[in-house]
């Protein structure tokens, strides 16, 4: 009979998911504090926060929730990782913004952005590698691709450009960090994911009988 040690395997996946989402929130907040430009969705979140007075982290939660609701007509099914993505990244970002001040000089701001970008790539590899479901933005992309038949890159580009434009109009932070994010995040996540993916459990053969003592 083949038995699999499910409990340690599941514990690792859950821990990796939670750590990944928390680090993701920290990473986004560090890039906000760098003040040299943000990723498109964070530009949108910051713009909404500036216009409404709601905290940046809370806006991240609300935007994630709206995107998750948009999955319904697209017939996408969220995983537990998708739901936790909506719930946990925002509080982690708000806590980091409260703890980390904004540097005044440009070089420390660039270093802070670089640290945030690196952590973001690692965090993405962690929570996707746990295999508990994609984030709400990724699900929106795959859902629109399935419903429209448009290429994935076209759908993703359209979504990102729309979020960036709306965020910029609302006063979100667009700068050379935004360009750096667009150029670097793909290769960095590509490097992180295979190294951080939780491997499939290996069955362990166990004899159904035990030796007599």
N, C-alpha and C. Protein backbone atom coordinates (compact mmCIF):
# COMPACT_ATOMS: atom_id res chain seq x y z
N UNK A 1 0.86 -1.19 0.00
CA UNK A 1 0.00 0.00 0.00
C UNK A 1 0.89 1.24 0.00
N UNK A 2 0.50 2.26 -0.71
CA UNK A 2 1.29 3.49 -0.78
C UNK A 2 0.65 4.54 0.10
N UNK A 3 1.42 5.08 1.00
CA UNK A 3 0.95 6.13 1.88
C UNK A 3 1.73 7.40 1.59
N UNK A 4 1.10 8.54 1.75
CA UNK A 4 1.75 9.82 1.54
C UNK A 4 1.66 10.61 2.84
N UNK A 5 2.74 11.17 3.21
CA UNK A 5 2.75 11.97 4.43
C UNK A 5 2.13 13.34 4.14
N UNK A 6 0.82 13.37 4.20
CA UNK A 6 0.09 14.56 3.76
C UNK A 6 0.28 15.75 4.71
N UNK A 7 0.32 15.50 6.01
CA UNK A 7 0.28 16.62 6.95
C UNK A 7 1.49 17.54 6.83
N UNK A 8 2.73 17.05 6.88
CA UNK A 8 3.87 17.96 6.72
C UNK A 8 3.85 18.68 5.38
N UNK A 9 3.42 17.99 4.34
CA UNK A 9 3.35 18.59 3.01
C UNK A 9 2.34 19.74 2.99
N UNK A 10 1.19 19.53 3.59
CA UNK A 10 0.17 20.58 3.63
C UNK A 10 0.62 21.75 4.49
N UNK A 11 1.28 21.45 5.61
CA UNK A 11 1.77 22.52 6.49
C UNK A 11 2.76 23.41 5.74
N UNK A 12 3.65 22.80 5.00
CA UNK A 12 4.61 23.59 4.23
C UNK A 12 3.91 24.50 3.23
N UNK A 13 2.92 23.97 2.54
CA UNK A 13 2.21 24.78 1.55
C UNK A 13 1.50 25.96 2.21
N UNK A 14 0.84 25.71 3.34
CA UNK A 14 0.11 26.77 4.03
C UNK A 14 1.07 27.85 4.54
N UNK A 15 2.16 27.41 5.17
CA UNK A 15 3.14 28.37 5.68
C UNK A 15 3.73 29.19 4.55
N UNK A 16 4.06 28.53 3.45
CA UNK A 16 4.64 29.24 2.31
C UNK A 16 3.65 30.24 1.74
N UNK A 17 2.39 29.87 1.67
CA UNK A 17 1.36 30.79 1.18
C UNK A 17 1.27 32.02 2.06
N UNK A 18 1.16 31.83 3.38
CA UNK A 18 1.00 32.95 4.30
C UNK A 18 2.23 33.85 4.31
N UNK A 19 3.41 33.25 4.30
CA UNK A 19 4.63 34.05 4.28
C UNK A 19 4.72 34.83 2.97
N UNK A 20 4.40 34.17 1.87
CA UNK A 20 4.46 34.83 0.57
C UNK A 20 3.54 36.04 0.49
N UNK A 21 2.31 35.91 0.98
CA UNK A 21 1.36 37.02 0.92
C UNK A 21 1.78 38.16 1.83
N UNK A 22 2.30 37.82 3.02
CA UNK A 22 2.76 38.87 3.94
C UNK A 22 3.95 39.62 3.34
N UNK A 23 4.89 38.88 2.77
CA UNK A 23 6.07 39.52 2.17
C UNK A 23 5.66 40.35 0.95
N UNK A 24 4.64 39.90 0.24
CA UNK A 24 4.14 40.67 -0.91
C UNK A 24 3.67 42.05 -0.45
N UNK A 25 2.91 42.09 0.65
CA UNK A 25 2.45 43.37 1.17
C UNK A 25 3.60 44.26 1.61
N UNK A 26 4.59 43.66 2.26
CA UNK A 26 5.78 44.42 2.67
C UNK A 26 6.49 45.00 1.44
N UNK A 27 6.64 44.18 0.40
CA UNK A 27 7.34 44.61 -0.80
C UNK A 27 6.64 45.79 -1.48
N UNK A 28 5.33 45.71 -1.60
CA UNK A 28 4.58 46.80 -2.22
C UNK A 28 4.75 48.09 -1.42
N UNK A 29 4.70 47.98 -0.08
CA UNK A 29 4.84 49.17 0.76
C UNK A 29 6.22 49.78 0.63
N UNK A 30 7.26 48.97 0.52
CA UNK A 30 8.61 49.51 0.34
C UNK A 30 8.71 50.30 -0.95
N UNK A 31 8.08 49.81 -2.00
CA UNK A 31 8.11 50.54 -3.27
C UNK A 31 7.30 51.83 -3.19
N UNK A 32 6.23 51.83 -2.41
CA UNK A 32 5.48 53.06 -2.19
C UNK A 32 6.35 54.09 -1.49
N UNK A 33 7.06 53.65 -0.45
CA UNK A 33 7.94 54.55 0.30
C UNK A 33 9.11 55.06 -0.55
N UNK A 34 9.53 54.28 -1.55
CA UNK A 34 10.63 54.72 -2.42
C UNK A 34 10.23 55.93 -3.26
N UNK A 35 8.97 56.03 -3.61
CA UNK A 35 8.40 57.19 -4.30
C UNK A 35 9.12 57.48 -5.63
N UNK A 36 9.38 56.44 -6.40
CA UNK A 36 9.97 56.64 -7.73
C UNK A 36 9.13 55.95 -8.80
N UNK A 37 7.91 55.55 -8.44
CA UNK A 37 7.02 54.88 -9.39
C UNK A 37 6.63 53.51 -8.89
N UNK A 38 5.44 53.09 -9.27
CA UNK A 38 4.87 51.83 -8.78
C UNK A 38 4.40 50.95 -9.93
N UNK A 39 4.09 49.70 -9.59
CA UNK A 39 3.44 48.81 -10.55
C UNK A 39 2.05 49.35 -10.89
N UNK A 40 1.53 49.03 -12.07
CA UNK A 40 0.24 49.61 -12.50
C UNK A 40 -0.88 49.48 -11.48
N UNK A 41 -1.09 48.29 -10.89
CA UNK A 41 -2.19 48.13 -9.95
C UNK A 41 -1.96 48.91 -8.66
N UNK A 42 -0.70 49.07 -8.29
CA UNK A 42 -0.40 49.85 -7.10
C UNK A 42 -0.53 51.35 -7.36
N UNK A 43 -0.26 51.77 -8.61
CA UNK A 43 -0.54 53.15 -8.99
C UNK A 43 -2.04 53.43 -8.83
N UNK A 44 -2.85 52.49 -9.29
CA UNK A 44 -4.30 52.64 -9.14
C UNK A 44 -4.70 52.66 -7.67
N UNK A 45 -4.15 51.74 -6.88
CA UNK A 45 -4.49 51.71 -5.46
C UNK A 45 -4.09 52.99 -4.75
N UNK A 46 -2.90 53.49 -5.06
CA UNK A 46 -2.45 54.73 -4.43
C UNK A 46 -3.32 55.91 -4.86
N UNK A 47 -3.70 55.94 -6.14
CA UNK A 47 -4.55 57.03 -6.62
C UNK A 47 -5.90 57.03 -5.92
N UNK A 48 -6.50 55.85 -5.76
CA UNK A 48 -7.78 55.76 -5.05
C UNK A 48 -7.61 56.18 -3.59
N UNK A 49 -6.52 55.76 -2.96
CA UNK A 49 -6.27 56.12 -1.57
C UNK A 49 -6.14 57.63 -1.41
N UNK A 50 -5.44 58.27 -2.34
CA UNK A 50 -5.27 59.72 -2.27
C UNK A 50 -6.59 60.46 -2.44
N UNK A 51 -7.45 59.94 -3.30
CA UNK A 51 -8.73 60.61 -3.58
C UNK A 51 -9.77 60.38 -2.50
N UNK A 52 -9.69 59.26 -1.82
CA UNK A 52 -10.74 58.89 -0.87
C UNK A 52 -10.33 59.07 0.59
N UNK A 53 -9.03 59.10 0.86
CA UNK A 53 -8.57 59.15 2.24
C UNK A 53 -8.53 57.79 2.92
N UNK A 54 -8.89 56.74 2.20
CA UNK A 54 -8.81 55.38 2.74
C UNK A 54 -7.35 54.94 2.71
N UNK A 55 -6.93 54.15 3.67
CA UNK A 55 -5.55 53.70 3.70
C UNK A 55 -5.22 52.88 2.46
N UNK A 56 -3.95 52.94 2.07
CA UNK A 56 -3.50 52.23 0.87
C UNK A 56 -3.78 50.73 0.97
N UNK A 57 -3.48 50.14 2.11
CA UNK A 57 -3.71 48.72 2.28
C UNK A 57 -5.17 48.34 2.18
N UNK A 58 -6.04 49.17 2.75
CA UNK A 58 -7.48 48.89 2.65
C UNK A 58 -7.95 48.97 1.21
N UNK A 59 -7.41 49.92 0.46
CA UNK A 59 -7.75 50.02 -0.95
C UNK A 59 -7.32 48.77 -1.71
N UNK A 60 -6.12 48.25 -1.38
CA UNK A 60 -5.68 47.01 -2.01
C UNK A 60 -6.68 45.89 -1.76
N UNK A 61 -7.16 45.81 -0.53
CA UNK A 61 -8.16 44.78 -0.20
C UNK A 61 -9.44 44.97 -1.02
N UNK A 62 -9.91 46.21 -1.09
CA UNK A 62 -11.17 46.49 -1.78
C UNK A 62 -11.06 46.25 -3.28
N UNK A 63 -9.93 46.66 -3.87
CA UNK A 63 -9.73 46.42 -5.30
C UNK A 63 -9.68 44.92 -5.58
N UNK A 64 -8.98 44.18 -4.70
CA UNK A 64 -8.93 42.73 -4.86
C UNK A 64 -10.30 42.10 -4.77
N UNK A 65 -11.13 42.61 -3.86
CA UNK A 65 -12.49 42.09 -3.71
C UNK A 65 -13.32 42.36 -4.97
N UNK A 66 -13.21 43.56 -5.52
CA UNK A 66 -13.95 43.89 -6.75
C UNK A 66 -13.51 42.98 -7.89
N UNK A 67 -12.22 42.75 -8.00
CA UNK A 67 -11.73 41.86 -9.05
C UNK A 67 -12.21 40.43 -8.84
N UNK A 68 -12.27 40.03 -7.58
CA UNK A 68 -12.75 38.68 -7.28
C UNK A 68 -14.23 38.53 -7.67
N UNK A 69 -15.03 39.57 -7.44
CA UNK A 69 -16.43 39.54 -7.85
C UNK A 69 -16.56 39.48 -9.37
N UNK A 70 -15.58 40.09 -10.05
CA UNK A 70 -15.60 40.05 -11.52
C UNK A 70 -15.35 38.65 -12.06
N UNK A 71 -14.83 37.75 -11.20
CA UNK A 71 -14.62 36.37 -11.62
C UNK A 71 -15.95 35.65 -11.87
N UNK A 72 -17.02 36.11 -11.20
CA UNK A 72 -18.28 35.37 -11.24
C UNK A 72 -18.82 35.24 -12.67
N UNK A 73 -18.98 36.36 -13.41
CA UNK A 73 -19.48 36.17 -14.79
C UNK A 73 -18.46 35.50 -15.70
N UNK A 74 -17.19 35.49 -15.29
CA UNK A 74 -16.16 34.83 -16.09
C UNK A 74 -16.05 33.34 -15.76
N UNK A 75 -16.84 32.92 -14.76
CA UNK A 75 -16.88 31.51 -14.34
C UNK A 75 -15.52 31.00 -13.88
N UNK A 76 -14.80 31.86 -13.16
CA UNK A 76 -13.55 31.47 -12.56
C UNK A 76 -13.79 31.00 -11.13
N UNK A 77 -13.03 30.03 -10.67
CA UNK A 77 -13.18 29.50 -9.33
C UNK A 77 -11.97 29.87 -8.47
N UNK A 78 -12.17 30.64 -7.43
CA UNK A 78 -11.04 31.02 -6.59
C UNK A 78 -10.60 29.88 -5.68
N UNK A 79 -9.32 29.89 -5.36
CA UNK A 79 -8.80 28.97 -4.36
C UNK A 79 -8.64 29.68 -3.03
N UNK A 80 -8.25 28.96 -2.01
CA UNK A 80 -8.05 29.58 -0.70
C UNK A 80 -6.95 30.63 -0.78
N UNK A 81 -5.95 30.39 -1.65
CA UNK A 81 -4.90 31.37 -1.84
C UNK A 81 -5.41 32.66 -2.44
N UNK A 82 -6.41 32.56 -3.31
CA UNK A 82 -7.01 33.75 -3.92
C UNK A 82 -7.69 34.61 -2.87
N UNK A 83 -8.46 33.96 -2.00
CA UNK A 83 -9.19 34.68 -0.95
C UNK A 83 -8.21 35.32 0.04
N UNK A 84 -7.19 34.56 0.45
CA UNK A 84 -6.21 35.10 1.39
C UNK A 84 -5.39 36.23 0.75
N UNK A 85 -5.19 36.15 -0.53
CA UNK A 85 -4.52 37.24 -1.25
C UNK A 85 -5.27 38.55 -1.05
N UNK A 86 -6.59 38.48 -1.18
CA UNK A 86 -7.43 39.67 -1.01
C UNK A 86 -7.39 40.18 0.43
N UNK A 87 -7.28 39.27 1.39
CA UNK A 87 -7.39 39.64 2.80
C UNK A 87 -6.07 40.08 3.45
N UNK A 88 -4.95 39.50 3.05
CA UNK A 88 -3.73 39.64 3.83
C UNK A 88 -2.73 40.67 3.30
N UNK A 89 -2.68 40.89 2.01
CA UNK A 89 -1.67 41.79 1.46
C UNK A 89 -1.87 43.22 1.96
N UNK A 90 -3.10 43.67 2.01
CA UNK A 90 -3.39 45.04 2.44
C UNK A 90 -2.91 45.34 3.86
N UNK A 91 -3.29 44.54 4.87
CA UNK A 91 -2.80 44.80 6.23
C UNK A 91 -1.29 44.78 6.34
N UNK A 92 -0.62 43.86 5.62
CA UNK A 92 0.84 43.81 5.65
C UNK A 92 1.44 45.09 5.06
N UNK A 93 0.81 45.60 4.00
CA UNK A 93 1.29 46.84 3.39
C UNK A 93 1.09 48.03 4.32
N UNK A 94 -0.07 48.12 4.95
CA UNK A 94 -0.34 49.24 5.86
C UNK A 94 0.61 49.23 7.06
N UNK A 95 0.88 48.05 7.62
CA UNK A 95 1.79 47.95 8.75
C UNK A 95 3.20 48.39 8.35
N UNK A 96 3.64 47.99 7.18
CA UNK A 96 4.97 48.39 6.70
C UNK A 96 5.05 49.88 6.44
N UNK A 97 4.00 50.45 5.87
CA UNK A 97 3.98 51.90 5.65
C UNK A 97 4.04 52.66 6.96
N UNK A 98 3.45 52.10 8.00
CA UNK A 98 3.49 52.74 9.32
C UNK A 98 4.89 52.66 9.94
N UNK A 99 5.60 51.57 9.65
CA UNK A 99 6.91 51.36 10.27
C UNK A 99 8.06 52.00 9.50
N UNK A 100 7.94 52.07 8.17
CA UNK A 100 9.06 52.51 7.34
C UNK A 100 8.85 53.94 6.86
N UNK A 101 9.75 54.86 7.20
CA UNK A 101 9.62 56.24 6.71
C UNK A 101 10.10 56.36 5.27
N UNK A 102 9.75 57.45 4.62
CA UNK A 102 10.18 57.69 3.25
C UNK A 102 11.54 58.37 3.25
N UNK A 103 12.54 57.80 2.58
CA UNK A 103 13.86 58.44 2.52
C UNK A 103 13.78 59.76 1.74
N UNK A 104 14.70 60.67 2.06
CA UNK A 104 14.73 61.94 1.35
C UNK A 104 15.64 61.90 0.13
N UNK A 105 16.80 61.27 0.26
CA UNK A 105 17.77 61.24 -0.83
C UNK A 105 17.36 60.21 -1.89
N UNK A 106 17.82 60.44 -3.11
CA UNK A 106 17.42 59.58 -4.22
C UNK A 106 18.02 58.18 -4.12
N UNK A 107 19.30 58.08 -3.78
CA UNK A 107 19.94 56.77 -3.75
C UNK A 107 19.29 55.82 -2.74
N UNK A 108 19.00 56.26 -1.51
CA UNK A 108 18.27 55.36 -0.60
C UNK A 108 16.89 54.98 -1.12
N UNK A 109 16.24 55.87 -1.84
CA UNK A 109 14.93 55.55 -2.40
C UNK A 109 15.06 54.48 -3.49
N UNK A 110 16.11 54.60 -4.30
CA UNK A 110 16.33 53.58 -5.34
C UNK A 110 16.63 52.24 -4.68
N UNK A 111 17.45 52.26 -3.62
CA UNK A 111 17.77 51.01 -2.90
C UNK A 111 16.52 50.41 -2.28
N UNK A 112 15.65 51.26 -1.74
CA UNK A 112 14.41 50.77 -1.14
C UNK A 112 13.51 50.15 -2.20
N UNK A 113 13.44 50.78 -3.36
CA UNK A 113 12.64 50.23 -4.45
C UNK A 113 13.20 48.88 -4.91
N UNK A 114 14.53 48.81 -5.03
CA UNK A 114 15.16 47.56 -5.46
C UNK A 114 14.87 46.44 -4.47
N UNK A 115 14.92 46.77 -3.18
CA UNK A 115 14.61 45.77 -2.15
C UNK A 115 13.15 45.32 -2.27
N UNK A 116 12.26 46.28 -2.49
CA UNK A 116 10.84 45.94 -2.64
C UNK A 116 10.59 45.08 -3.87
N UNK A 117 11.23 45.41 -4.97
CA UNK A 117 11.04 44.64 -6.21
C UNK A 117 11.56 43.21 -6.04
N UNK A 118 12.71 43.07 -5.39
CA UNK A 118 13.26 41.73 -5.15
C UNK A 118 12.35 40.91 -4.25
N UNK A 119 11.87 41.54 -3.18
CA UNK A 119 10.96 40.83 -2.27
C UNK A 119 9.66 40.47 -2.98
N UNK A 120 9.20 41.33 -3.86
CA UNK A 120 7.95 41.06 -4.58
C UNK A 120 8.10 39.83 -5.47
N UNK A 121 9.23 39.71 -6.15
CA UNK A 121 9.46 38.54 -6.99
C UNK A 121 9.52 37.27 -6.15
N UNK A 122 10.22 37.34 -5.02
CA UNK A 122 10.29 36.18 -4.12
C UNK A 122 8.92 35.84 -3.56
N UNK A 123 8.16 36.86 -3.16
CA UNK A 123 6.83 36.62 -2.60
C UNK A 123 5.90 35.99 -3.62
N UNK A 124 6.00 36.44 -4.87
CA UNK A 124 5.17 35.85 -5.93
C UNK A 124 5.51 34.38 -6.12
N UNK A 125 6.81 34.07 -6.12
CA UNK A 125 7.21 32.68 -6.23
C UNK A 125 6.72 31.85 -5.07
N UNK A 126 6.72 32.43 -3.87
CA UNK A 126 6.28 31.70 -2.69
C UNK A 126 4.79 31.38 -2.74
N UNK A 127 3.95 32.39 -2.97
CA UNK A 127 2.52 32.12 -2.87
C UNK A 127 1.98 31.37 -4.09
N UNK A 128 2.56 31.60 -5.26
CA UNK A 128 2.15 30.79 -6.41
C UNK A 128 2.70 29.37 -6.30
N UNK A 129 3.91 29.24 -5.75
CA UNK A 129 4.52 27.93 -5.58
C UNK A 129 3.78 27.05 -4.59
N UNK A 130 3.00 27.67 -3.69
CA UNK A 130 2.20 26.90 -2.74
C UNK A 130 1.00 26.24 -3.40
N UNK A 131 0.63 26.72 -4.58
CA UNK A 131 -0.43 26.11 -5.40
C UNK A 131 -1.79 26.06 -4.70
N UNK A 132 -2.17 27.23 -4.15
CA UNK A 132 -3.51 27.36 -3.56
C UNK A 132 -4.41 28.28 -4.38
N UNK A 133 -4.04 28.55 -5.61
CA UNK A 133 -4.86 29.39 -6.47
C UNK A 133 -4.17 30.70 -6.80
N UNK A 134 -4.48 31.29 -7.95
CA UNK A 134 -3.85 32.54 -8.38
C UNK A 134 -4.43 33.74 -7.65
N UNK A 135 -3.76 34.88 -7.80
CA UNK A 135 -4.30 36.12 -7.27
C UNK A 135 -5.47 36.61 -8.10
N UNK A 136 -6.23 37.57 -7.58
CA UNK A 136 -7.42 38.03 -8.31
C UNK A 136 -7.11 38.64 -9.67
N UNK A 137 -5.95 39.29 -9.81
CA UNK A 137 -5.59 39.90 -11.09
C UNK A 137 -5.28 38.83 -12.13
N UNK A 138 -4.57 37.79 -11.71
CA UNK A 138 -4.25 36.70 -12.65
C UNK A 138 -5.51 35.97 -13.09
N UNK A 139 -6.44 35.76 -12.16
CA UNK A 139 -7.68 35.10 -12.51
C UNK A 139 -8.52 35.92 -13.48
N UNK A 140 -8.49 37.24 -13.31
CA UNK A 140 -9.20 38.11 -14.24
C UNK A 140 -8.61 37.96 -15.64
N UNK A 141 -7.29 37.91 -15.71
CA UNK A 141 -6.62 37.76 -17.01
C UNK A 141 -7.00 36.44 -17.68
N UNK A 142 -6.88 35.33 -16.96
CA UNK A 142 -7.18 34.04 -17.56
C UNK A 142 -8.66 33.91 -17.90
N UNK A 143 -9.53 34.50 -17.06
CA UNK A 143 -10.96 34.45 -17.34
C UNK A 143 -11.32 35.21 -18.60
N UNK A 144 -10.77 36.42 -18.77
CA UNK A 144 -11.04 37.19 -19.98
C UNK A 144 -10.45 36.50 -21.21
N UNK A 145 -9.30 35.89 -21.05
CA UNK A 145 -8.71 35.15 -22.16
C UNK A 145 -9.63 34.01 -22.60
N UNK A 146 -10.17 33.28 -21.61
CA UNK A 146 -11.04 32.15 -21.93
C UNK A 146 -12.34 32.60 -22.58
N UNK A 147 -12.88 33.72 -22.13
CA UNK A 147 -14.18 34.18 -22.63
C UNK A 147 -14.09 34.87 -23.97
N UNK A 148 -12.99 35.59 -24.21
CA UNK A 148 -12.87 36.39 -25.44
C UNK A 148 -12.07 35.69 -26.53
N UNK A 149 -11.18 34.79 -26.12
CA UNK A 149 -10.30 34.15 -27.09
C UNK A 149 -9.11 35.00 -27.48
N UNK A 150 -8.98 36.19 -26.88
CA UNK A 150 -7.84 37.04 -27.17
C UNK A 150 -6.57 36.42 -26.59
N UNK A 151 -5.40 36.70 -27.18
CA UNK A 151 -4.15 36.18 -26.62
C UNK A 151 -3.94 36.68 -25.18
N UNK A 152 -3.27 35.86 -24.38
CA UNK A 152 -3.04 36.22 -22.98
C UNK A 152 -2.28 37.53 -22.87
N UNK A 153 -1.27 37.71 -23.71
CA UNK A 153 -0.47 38.93 -23.58
C UNK A 153 -1.30 40.17 -23.91
N UNK A 154 -2.25 40.05 -24.84
CA UNK A 154 -3.11 41.18 -25.18
C UNK A 154 -4.02 41.52 -24.01
N UNK A 155 -4.61 40.51 -23.40
CA UNK A 155 -5.50 40.73 -22.26
C UNK A 155 -4.71 41.33 -21.10
N UNK A 156 -3.54 40.76 -20.79
CA UNK A 156 -2.75 41.25 -19.67
C UNK A 156 -2.29 42.68 -19.89
N UNK A 157 -1.84 42.97 -21.11
CA UNK A 157 -1.40 44.34 -21.41
C UNK A 157 -2.55 45.32 -21.29
N UNK A 158 -3.71 44.95 -21.82
CA UNK A 158 -4.87 45.84 -21.73
C UNK A 158 -5.27 46.12 -20.30
N UNK A 159 -5.27 45.10 -19.45
CA UNK A 159 -5.63 45.27 -18.05
C UNK A 159 -4.63 46.18 -17.34
N UNK A 160 -3.33 45.92 -17.56
CA UNK A 160 -2.29 46.68 -16.87
C UNK A 160 -2.30 48.14 -17.32
N UNK A 161 -2.44 48.38 -18.62
CA UNK A 161 -2.46 49.75 -19.13
C UNK A 161 -3.67 50.51 -18.60
N UNK A 162 -4.81 49.83 -18.54
CA UNK A 162 -6.03 50.48 -18.00
C UNK A 162 -5.84 50.86 -16.54
N UNK A 163 -5.31 49.93 -15.74
CA UNK A 163 -5.08 50.21 -14.33
C UNK A 163 -4.08 51.36 -14.16
N UNK A 164 -3.02 51.35 -14.95
CA UNK A 164 -2.01 52.41 -14.87
C UNK A 164 -2.58 53.77 -15.24
N UNK A 165 -3.36 53.81 -16.33
CA UNK A 165 -3.93 55.09 -16.77
C UNK A 165 -4.90 55.66 -15.74
N UNK A 166 -5.78 54.81 -15.21
CA UNK A 166 -6.72 55.27 -14.19
C UNK A 166 -5.98 55.75 -12.94
N UNK A 167 -4.97 54.98 -12.51
CA UNK A 167 -4.20 55.38 -11.34
C UNK A 167 -3.47 56.69 -11.53
N UNK A 168 -2.89 56.88 -12.71
CA UNK A 168 -2.18 58.12 -13.01
C UNK A 168 -3.13 59.31 -13.00
N UNK A 169 -4.32 59.15 -13.57
CA UNK A 169 -5.32 60.23 -13.56
C UNK A 169 -5.76 60.57 -12.14
N UNK A 170 -5.74 59.59 -11.26
CA UNK A 170 -6.14 59.82 -9.87
C UNK A 170 -5.01 60.35 -9.00
N UNK A 171 -3.82 60.45 -9.57
CA UNK A 171 -2.69 60.99 -8.83
C UNK A 171 -1.72 59.97 -8.31
N UNK A 172 -1.82 58.73 -8.79
CA UNK A 172 -0.89 57.69 -8.36
C UNK A 172 0.52 57.95 -8.86
N UNK A 173 1.49 57.31 -8.23
CA UNK A 173 2.91 57.56 -8.46
C UNK A 173 3.42 56.80 -9.68
N UNK A 174 3.63 57.52 -10.77
CA UNK A 174 4.20 56.95 -11.99
C UNK A 174 5.58 57.56 -12.20
N UNK A 175 6.59 56.73 -12.39
CA UNK A 175 7.94 57.22 -12.57
C UNK A 175 8.82 56.16 -13.18
N UNK A 176 10.15 56.36 -13.08
CA UNK A 176 11.03 55.38 -13.71
C UNK A 176 10.99 54.04 -12.99
N UNK A 177 10.49 54.03 -11.74
CA UNK A 177 10.28 52.76 -11.06
C UNK A 177 9.19 51.94 -11.73
N UNK A 178 8.20 52.61 -12.29
CA UNK A 178 7.14 51.92 -13.03
C UNK A 178 7.71 51.19 -14.23
N UNK A 179 8.61 51.87 -14.96
CA UNK A 179 9.26 51.24 -16.11
C UNK A 179 10.16 50.10 -15.66
N UNK A 180 10.91 50.31 -14.57
CA UNK A 180 11.78 49.26 -14.06
C UNK A 180 10.98 48.03 -13.67
N UNK A 181 9.83 48.25 -13.05
CA UNK A 181 8.96 47.13 -12.68
C UNK A 181 8.52 46.36 -13.92
N UNK A 182 8.07 47.09 -14.94
CA UNK A 182 7.56 46.44 -16.15
C UNK A 182 8.65 45.61 -16.83
N UNK A 183 9.89 46.08 -16.81
CA UNK A 183 10.97 45.39 -17.50
C UNK A 183 11.51 44.22 -16.69
N UNK A 184 11.59 44.37 -15.36
CA UNK A 184 12.32 43.41 -14.53
C UNK A 184 11.47 42.34 -13.86
N UNK A 185 10.20 42.65 -13.56
CA UNK A 185 9.44 41.73 -12.71
C UNK A 185 9.22 40.37 -13.39
N UNK A 186 9.01 40.36 -14.70
CA UNK A 186 8.80 39.09 -15.39
C UNK A 186 10.00 38.15 -15.26
N UNK A 187 11.20 38.58 -15.65
CA UNK A 187 12.37 37.71 -15.51
C UNK A 187 12.66 37.32 -14.06
N UNK A 188 12.43 38.23 -13.12
CA UNK A 188 12.71 37.91 -11.72
C UNK A 188 11.75 36.85 -11.18
N UNK A 189 10.47 36.96 -11.52
CA UNK A 189 9.50 35.95 -11.09
C UNK A 189 9.80 34.63 -11.78
N UNK A 190 10.22 34.71 -13.04
CA UNK A 190 10.56 33.49 -13.79
C UNK A 190 11.70 32.74 -13.10
N UNK A 191 12.64 33.46 -12.53
CA UNK A 191 13.74 32.82 -11.81
C UNK A 191 13.29 32.28 -10.45
N UNK A 192 12.37 32.99 -9.80
CA UNK A 192 11.98 32.61 -8.44
C UNK A 192 11.04 31.41 -8.40
N UNK A 193 10.12 31.34 -9.35
CA UNK A 193 9.06 30.33 -9.25
C UNK A 193 9.55 28.89 -9.21
N UNK A 194 10.42 28.47 -10.14
CA UNK A 194 10.83 27.06 -10.07
C UNK A 194 11.62 26.72 -8.81
N UNK A 195 12.28 27.70 -8.22
CA UNK A 195 13.07 27.45 -7.02
C UNK A 195 12.21 27.41 -5.76
N UNK A 196 11.04 28.01 -5.81
CA UNK A 196 10.21 28.11 -4.61
C UNK A 196 8.94 27.27 -4.70
N UNK A 197 8.70 26.63 -5.83
CA UNK A 197 7.51 25.80 -5.97
C UNK A 197 7.61 24.59 -5.05
N UNK A 198 6.51 24.31 -4.36
CA UNK A 198 6.46 23.13 -3.49
C UNK A 198 6.34 21.90 -4.38
N UNK A 199 7.27 20.95 -4.28
CA UNK A 199 7.21 19.77 -5.14
C UNK A 199 6.04 18.87 -4.77
N UNK A 200 5.60 18.12 -5.75
CA UNK A 200 4.55 17.14 -5.48
C UNK A 200 5.05 16.11 -4.47
N UNK A 201 4.19 15.65 -3.57
CA UNK A 201 4.63 14.65 -2.59
C UNK A 201 4.99 13.34 -3.26
N UNK A 202 6.01 12.70 -2.74
CA UNK A 202 6.45 11.42 -3.28
C UNK A 202 5.83 10.30 -2.45
N UNK A 203 5.07 9.39 -3.08
CA UNK A 203 4.48 8.28 -2.33
C UNK A 203 5.57 7.41 -1.69
N UNK A 204 5.27 6.96 -0.51
CA UNK A 204 6.18 6.10 0.22
C UNK A 204 5.56 4.72 0.35
N UNK A 205 6.21 3.71 -0.16
CA UNK A 205 5.68 2.36 -0.10
C UNK A 205 5.82 1.82 1.31
N UNK A 206 4.71 1.36 1.83
CA UNK A 206 4.70 0.82 3.18
C UNK A 206 4.08 -0.57 3.13
N UNK A 207 4.73 -1.54 3.69
CA UNK A 207 4.19 -2.90 3.69
C UNK A 207 2.95 -2.96 4.54
N UNK A 208 1.96 -3.69 4.08
CA UNK A 208 0.72 -3.81 4.83
C UNK A 208 0.88 -4.72 6.04
N UNK A 209 1.95 -5.49 6.03
CA UNK A 209 2.17 -6.38 7.17
C UNK A 209 3.43 -5.97 7.89
N UNK A 210 3.50 -6.31 9.13
CA UNK A 210 4.66 -5.99 9.93
C UNK A 210 5.36 -7.29 10.33
N UNK A 211 6.66 -7.18 10.45
CA UNK A 211 7.42 -8.34 10.85
C UNK A 211 7.04 -8.74 12.27
N UNK A 212 6.93 -10.01 12.49
CA UNK A 212 6.62 -10.50 13.83
C UNK A 212 7.80 -10.25 14.75
N UNK A 213 7.47 -9.90 15.94
CA UNK A 213 8.51 -9.63 16.94
C UNK A 213 8.58 -10.76 17.94
